[in-house]
Amino acid sequence: VLAQGGAAHCRAGRFRAAVAWHVEQLEVGMECGACREVCGALMGCGSVSLALGLFSTALELYEESLPLAVSLEQARTVAAITLNLATVHSALGDFDSAAKAYAEGRRLAEDA
């Protein structure tokens, strides 16, 4: 519910509300030891950062969420994070990394 609320606020442009929902999701996940919730919260905050043009922050959040998704064996989530990383690398002007991440994300998405 927290992830869906955060995502809905982000899509509607209510970024402070989105961050509040994702931070609550992160706190709940950390208290319960729920890696899935922590991963989702990091991804959600990464999406807000991306939408606000805070590309370095988005990069850090996505890079932090990626190993969690891998450890949870969430193939679709790993693909989504990798494609988001491609977007961030592109926005930062790192087109070689963007191309590699896009190719990897696309491959992962096809396999998922």
N, C-alpha and C. Protein backbone atom coordinates (compact mmCIF):
# COMPACT_ATOMS: atom_id res chain seq x y z
N VAL A 1 0.83 -1.19 0.00
CA VAL A 1 0.00 0.00 0.00
C VAL A 1 0.87 1.25 0.00
N LEU A 2 1.95 1.26 0.79
CA LEU A 2 2.82 2.43 0.85
C LEU A 2 3.50 2.66 -0.49
N ALA A 3 3.93 1.61 -1.13
CA ALA A 3 4.59 1.74 -2.44
C ALA A 3 3.62 2.30 -3.47
N GLN A 4 2.40 1.79 -3.46
CA GLN A 4 1.40 2.25 -4.43
C GLN A 4 1.02 3.70 -4.17
N GLY A 5 0.91 4.09 -2.91
CA GLY A 5 0.60 5.47 -2.58
C GLY A 5 1.71 6.40 -3.01
N GLY A 6 2.94 6.01 -2.76
CA GLY A 6 4.08 6.83 -3.18
C GLY A 6 4.15 6.99 -4.68
N ALA A 7 3.93 5.89 -5.39
CA ALA A 7 3.96 5.93 -6.86
C ALA A 7 2.84 6.81 -7.41
N ALA A 8 1.67 6.72 -6.81
CA ALA A 8 0.53 7.54 -7.26
C ALA A 8 0.82 9.02 -7.05
N HIS A 9 1.38 9.37 -5.91
CA HIS A 9 1.72 10.77 -5.65
C HIS A 9 2.79 11.26 -6.63
N CYS A 10 3.76 10.42 -6.93
CA CYS A 10 4.83 10.79 -7.87
C CYS A 10 4.24 11.05 -9.25
N ARG A 11 3.37 10.17 -9.72
CA ARG A 11 2.75 10.35 -11.04
C ARG A 11 1.93 11.63 -11.10
N ALA A 12 1.35 12.00 -9.96
CA ALA A 12 0.52 13.20 -9.91
C ALA A 12 1.34 14.47 -9.66
N GLY A 13 2.65 14.32 -9.53
CA GLY A 13 3.51 15.48 -9.32
C GLY A 13 3.57 15.96 -7.88
N ARG A 14 3.04 15.17 -6.97
CA ARG A 14 3.09 15.53 -5.54
C ARG A 14 4.31 14.84 -4.92
N PHE A 15 5.47 15.42 -5.17
CA PHE A 15 6.73 14.76 -4.85
C PHE A 15 7.01 14.67 -3.35
N ARG A 16 6.65 15.70 -2.61
CA ARG A 16 6.86 15.63 -1.15
C ARG A 16 6.02 14.51 -0.54
N ALA A 17 4.79 14.41 -0.99
CA ALA A 17 3.93 13.33 -0.49
C ALA A 17 4.48 11.97 -0.91
N ALA A 18 4.99 11.88 -2.13
CA ALA A 18 5.56 10.62 -2.61
C ALA A 18 6.74 10.21 -1.74
N VAL A 19 7.61 11.16 -1.44
CA VAL A 19 8.78 10.85 -0.61
C VAL A 19 8.33 10.42 0.78
N ALA A 20 7.34 11.10 1.33
CA ALA A 20 6.85 10.73 2.67
C ALA A 20 6.36 9.28 2.69
N TRP A 21 5.60 8.89 1.67
CA TRP A 21 5.11 7.51 1.60
C TRP A 21 6.26 6.53 1.47
N HIS A 22 7.23 6.85 0.61
CA HIS A 22 8.35 5.93 0.40
C HIS A 22 9.26 5.87 1.63
N VAL A 23 9.42 6.98 2.33
CA VAL A 23 10.22 6.95 3.56
C VAL A 23 9.54 6.07 4.60
N GLU A 24 8.23 6.18 4.70
CA GLU A 24 7.50 5.31 5.63
C GLU A 24 7.66 3.85 5.22
N GLN A 25 7.59 3.59 3.92
CA GLN A 25 7.79 2.24 3.41
C GLN A 25 9.18 1.73 3.78
N LEU A 26 10.18 2.60 3.65
CA LEU A 26 11.55 2.23 3.98
C LEU A 26 11.67 1.91 5.47
N GLU A 27 11.08 2.74 6.31
CA GLU A 27 11.14 2.51 7.75
C GLU A 27 10.48 1.19 8.13
N VAL A 28 9.31 0.93 7.58
CA VAL A 28 8.60 -0.31 7.86
C VAL A 28 9.44 -1.51 7.40
N GLY A 29 9.98 -1.41 6.20
CA GLY A 29 10.80 -2.49 5.66
C GLY A 29 12.02 -2.76 6.51
N MET A 30 12.66 -1.70 6.98
CA MET A 30 13.87 -1.88 7.79
C MET A 30 13.52 -2.45 9.17
N GLU A 31 12.41 -2.00 9.74
CA GLU A 31 12.00 -2.53 11.05
C GLU A 31 11.66 -4.01 10.97
N CYS A 32 11.03 -4.40 9.89
CA CYS A 32 10.58 -5.80 9.74
C CYS A 32 11.63 -6.68 9.06
N GLY A 33 12.70 -6.08 8.57
CA GLY A 33 13.69 -6.85 7.83
C GLY A 33 13.16 -7.33 6.49
N ALA A 34 12.25 -6.54 5.92
CA ALA A 34 11.62 -6.91 4.64
C ALA A 34 12.40 -6.27 3.49
N CYS A 35 13.29 -7.03 2.90
CA CYS A 35 14.12 -6.53 1.81
C CYS A 35 13.29 -6.02 0.63
N ARG A 36 12.18 -6.68 0.37
CA ARG A 36 11.33 -6.29 -0.74
C ARG A 36 10.81 -4.85 -0.55
N GLU A 37 10.40 -4.53 0.68
CA GLU A 37 9.91 -3.18 0.98
C GLU A 37 11.03 -2.15 0.90
N VAL A 38 12.19 -2.50 1.41
CA VAL A 38 13.34 -1.60 1.35
C VAL A 38 13.70 -1.33 -0.10
N CYS A 39 13.76 -2.37 -0.90
CA CYS A 39 14.08 -2.23 -2.32
C CYS A 39 13.06 -1.33 -3.01
N GLY A 40 11.79 -1.57 -2.75
CA GLY A 40 10.73 -0.76 -3.36
C GLY A 40 10.81 0.69 -2.95
N ALA A 41 11.12 0.93 -1.68
CA ALA A 41 11.23 2.30 -1.18
C ALA A 41 12.40 3.03 -1.85
N LEU A 42 13.52 2.35 -1.97
CA LEU A 42 14.68 2.97 -2.63
C LEU A 42 14.37 3.27 -4.09
N MET A 43 13.70 2.33 -4.75
CA MET A 43 13.31 2.57 -6.15
C MET A 43 12.35 3.75 -6.24
N GLY A 44 11.39 3.81 -5.33
CA GLY A 44 10.42 4.90 -5.34
C GLY A 44 11.08 6.25 -5.14
N CYS A 45 11.99 6.33 -4.19
CA CYS A 45 12.71 7.58 -3.97
C CYS A 45 13.60 7.91 -5.17
N GLY A 46 14.13 6.88 -5.82
CA GLY A 46 14.90 7.10 -7.04
C GLY A 46 14.03 7.69 -8.14
N SER A 47 12.81 7.22 -8.25
CA SER A 47 11.89 7.75 -9.26
C SER A 47 11.54 9.21 -8.99
N VAL A 48 11.33 9.54 -7.72
CA VAL A 48 11.06 10.94 -7.37
C VAL A 48 12.27 11.80 -7.70
N SER A 49 13.45 11.32 -7.35
CA SER A 49 14.68 12.06 -7.64
C SER A 49 14.85 12.27 -9.13
N LEU A 50 14.56 11.24 -9.90
CA LEU A 50 14.65 11.33 -11.36
C LEU A 50 13.67 12.38 -11.89
N ALA A 51 12.45 12.35 -11.40
CA ALA A 51 11.43 13.30 -11.83
C ALA A 51 11.81 14.74 -11.49
N LEU A 52 12.53 14.92 -10.38
CA LEU A 52 12.95 16.26 -9.96
C LEU A 52 14.27 16.70 -10.59
N GLY A 53 14.86 15.83 -11.38
CA GLY A 53 16.13 16.17 -12.02
C GLY A 53 17.33 16.03 -11.10
N LEU A 54 17.17 15.31 -10.00
CA LEU A 54 18.26 15.06 -9.07
C LEU A 54 18.94 13.75 -9.48
N PHE A 55 19.66 13.83 -10.59
CA PHE A 55 20.15 12.63 -11.24
C PHE A 55 21.20 11.88 -10.42
N SER A 56 22.09 12.58 -9.75
CA SER A 56 23.10 11.90 -8.92
C SER A 56 22.45 11.15 -7.78
N THR A 57 21.43 11.76 -7.18
CA THR A 57 20.70 11.10 -6.09
C THR A 57 19.96 9.88 -6.63
N ALA A 58 19.30 10.04 -7.78
CA ALA A 58 18.60 8.92 -8.40
C ALA A 58 19.56 7.78 -8.68
N LEU A 59 20.73 8.11 -9.20
CA LEU A 59 21.74 7.09 -9.49
C LEU A 59 22.11 6.32 -8.22
N GLU A 60 22.36 7.02 -7.13
CA GLU A 60 22.73 6.37 -5.87
C GLU A 60 21.61 5.46 -5.38
N LEU A 61 20.36 5.95 -5.44
CA LEU A 61 19.24 5.16 -4.94
C LEU A 61 19.01 3.91 -5.79
N TYR A 62 19.07 4.06 -7.11
CA TYR A 62 18.89 2.90 -7.98
C TYR A 62 20.02 1.89 -7.79
N GLU A 63 21.26 2.40 -7.66
CA GLU A 63 22.38 1.49 -7.47
C GLU A 63 22.29 0.76 -6.14
N GLU A 64 21.70 1.41 -5.13
CA GLU A 64 21.52 0.76 -3.84
C GLU A 64 20.40 -0.28 -3.88
N SER A 65 19.38 -0.03 -4.68
CA SER A 65 18.26 -0.97 -4.75
C SER A 65 18.56 -2.19 -5.61
N LEU A 66 19.46 -2.05 -6.57
CA LEU A 66 19.74 -3.15 -7.51
C LEU A 66 20.19 -4.44 -6.83
N PRO A 67 21.17 -4.42 -5.92
CA PRO A 67 21.57 -5.68 -5.29
C PRO A 67 20.45 -6.34 -4.48
N LEU A 68 19.58 -5.52 -3.91
CA LEU A 68 18.45 -6.09 -3.16
C LEU A 68 17.52 -6.84 -4.10
N ALA A 69 17.22 -6.23 -5.24
CA ALA A 69 16.35 -6.88 -6.22
C ALA A 69 16.98 -8.17 -6.74
N VAL A 70 18.28 -8.14 -6.96
CA VAL A 70 19.00 -9.34 -7.42
C VAL A 70 18.91 -10.43 -6.35
N SER A 71 19.14 -10.05 -5.09
CA SER A 71 19.11 -11.05 -4.02
C SER A 71 17.71 -11.63 -3.82
N LEU A 72 16.69 -10.85 -4.14
CA LEU A 72 15.31 -11.32 -4.02
C LEU A 72 14.85 -12.10 -5.26
N GLU A 73 15.75 -12.15 -6.25
CA GLU A 73 15.45 -12.83 -7.52
C GLU A 73 14.20 -12.27 -8.18
N GLN A 74 14.10 -10.94 -8.19
CA GLN A 74 12.98 -10.26 -8.83
C GLN A 74 13.44 -9.80 -10.22
N ALA A 75 13.31 -10.67 -11.19
CA ALA A 75 13.84 -10.41 -12.52
C ALA A 75 13.26 -9.14 -13.15
N ARG A 76 11.97 -8.95 -13.04
CA ARG A 76 11.35 -7.75 -13.63
C ARG A 76 11.83 -6.48 -12.94
N THR A 77 11.99 -6.54 -11.64
CA THR A 77 12.47 -5.38 -10.89
C THR A 77 13.91 -5.06 -11.26
N VAL A 78 14.73 -6.09 -11.39
CA VAL A 78 16.13 -5.89 -11.80
C VAL A 78 16.16 -5.23 -13.18
N ALA A 79 15.32 -5.70 -14.08
CA ALA A 79 15.27 -5.10 -15.43
C ALA A 79 14.82 -3.65 -15.35
N ALA A 80 13.81 -3.37 -14.55
CA ALA A 80 13.30 -1.99 -14.42
C ALA A 80 14.36 -1.06 -13.84
N ILE A 81 15.05 -1.51 -12.81
CA ILE A 81 16.10 -0.69 -12.21
C ILE A 81 17.20 -0.44 -13.23
N THR A 82 17.60 -1.47 -13.96
CA THR A 82 18.66 -1.33 -14.96
C THR A 82 18.27 -0.34 -16.05
N LEU A 83 17.02 -0.39 -16.48
CA LEU A 83 16.55 0.57 -17.49
C LEU A 83 16.49 1.98 -16.90
N ASN A 84 16.11 2.10 -15.63
CA ASN A 84 16.13 3.41 -14.97
C ASN A 84 17.56 3.95 -14.89
N LEU A 85 18.50 3.05 -14.61
CA LEU A 85 19.90 3.47 -14.58
C LEU A 85 20.35 3.98 -15.94
N ALA A 86 19.86 3.36 -17.00
CA ALA A 86 20.19 3.84 -18.35
C ALA A 86 19.70 5.28 -18.54
N THR A 87 18.50 5.56 -18.07
CA THR A 87 17.93 6.91 -18.17
C THR A 87 18.78 7.91 -17.39
N VAL A 88 19.18 7.54 -16.18
CA VAL A 88 19.98 8.43 -15.35
C VAL A 88 21.34 8.67 -15.97
N HIS A 89 22.00 7.61 -16.43
CA HIS A 89 23.31 7.77 -17.07
C HIS A 89 23.20 8.70 -18.28
N SER A 90 22.15 8.54 -19.04
CA SER A 90 21.94 9.41 -20.20
C SER A 90 21.76 10.86 -19.77
N ALA A 91 20.96 11.08 -18.74
CA ALA A 91 20.73 12.44 -18.24
C ALA A 91 22.03 13.07 -17.71
N LEU A 92 22.92 12.24 -17.19
CA LEU A 92 24.20 12.73 -16.69
C LEU A 92 25.25 12.87 -17.80
N GLY A 93 24.88 12.48 -19.02
CA GLY A 93 25.80 12.60 -20.15
C GLY A 93 26.77 11.44 -20.28
N ASP A 94 26.57 10.38 -19.54
CA ASP A 94 27.42 9.20 -19.62
C ASP A 94 26.77 8.21 -20.57
N PHE A 95 26.93 8.48 -21.86
CA PHE A 95 26.20 7.72 -22.87
C PHE A 95 26.70 6.30 -23.05
N ASP A 96 27.97 6.05 -22.79
CA ASP A 96 28.49 4.67 -22.86
C ASP A 96 27.83 3.80 -21.80
N SER A 97 27.78 4.32 -20.56
CA SER A 97 27.13 3.57 -19.49
C SER A 97 25.64 3.43 -19.75
N ALA A 98 25.04 4.47 -20.32
CA ALA A 98 23.61 4.42 -20.63
C ALA A 98 23.33 3.33 -21.66
N ALA A 99 24.16 3.24 -22.68
CA ALA A 99 23.96 2.23 -23.72
C ALA A 99 24.13 0.82 -23.15
N LYS A 100 25.13 0.64 -22.30
CA LYS A 100 25.34 -0.68 -21.68
C LYS A 100 24.17 -1.05 -20.77
N ALA A 101 23.72 -0.09 -19.97
CA ALA A 101 22.61 -0.37 -19.06
C ALA A 101 21.33 -0.63 -19.84
N TYR A 102 21.11 0.11 -20.91
CA TYR A 102 19.91 -0.11 -21.72
C TYR A 102 19.94 -1.51 -22.34
N ALA A 103 21.07 -1.89 -22.90
CA ALA A 103 21.18 -3.22 -23.52
C ALA A 103 20.97 -4.32 -22.47
N GLU A 104 21.55 -4.15 -21.30
CA GLU A 104 21.39 -5.15 -20.24
C GLU A 104 19.95 -5.18 -19.74
N GLY A 105 19.36 -4.01 -19.55
CA GLY A 105 17.97 -3.95 -19.08
C GLY A 105 17.01 -4.56 -20.07
N ARG A 106 17.25 -4.31 -21.34
CA ARG A 106 16.40 -4.89 -22.37
C ARG A 106 16.51 -6.41 -22.39
N ARG A 107 17.75 -6.89 -22.28
CA ARG A 107 17.97 -8.34 -22.23
C ARG A 107 17.27 -8.96 -21.02
N LEU A 108 17.42 -8.30 -19.87
CA LEU A 108 16.78 -8.80 -18.66
C LEU A 108 15.26 -8.79 -18.77
N ALA A 109 14.72 -7.75 -19.38
CA ALA A 109 13.27 -7.65 -19.54
C ALA A 109 12.75 -8.77 -20.44
N GLU A 110 13.49 -9.08 -21.49
CA GLU A 110 13.08 -10.15 -22.38
C GLU A 110 13.12 -11.51 -21.69
N ASP A 111 14.11 -11.68 -20.78
CA ASP A 111 14.26 -12.94 -20.06
C ASP A 111 13.24 -13.10 -18.92
N ALA A 112 12.75 -11.97 -18.43
CA ALA A 112 11.86 -12.00 -17.23
C ALA A 112 10.51 -12.58 -17.52
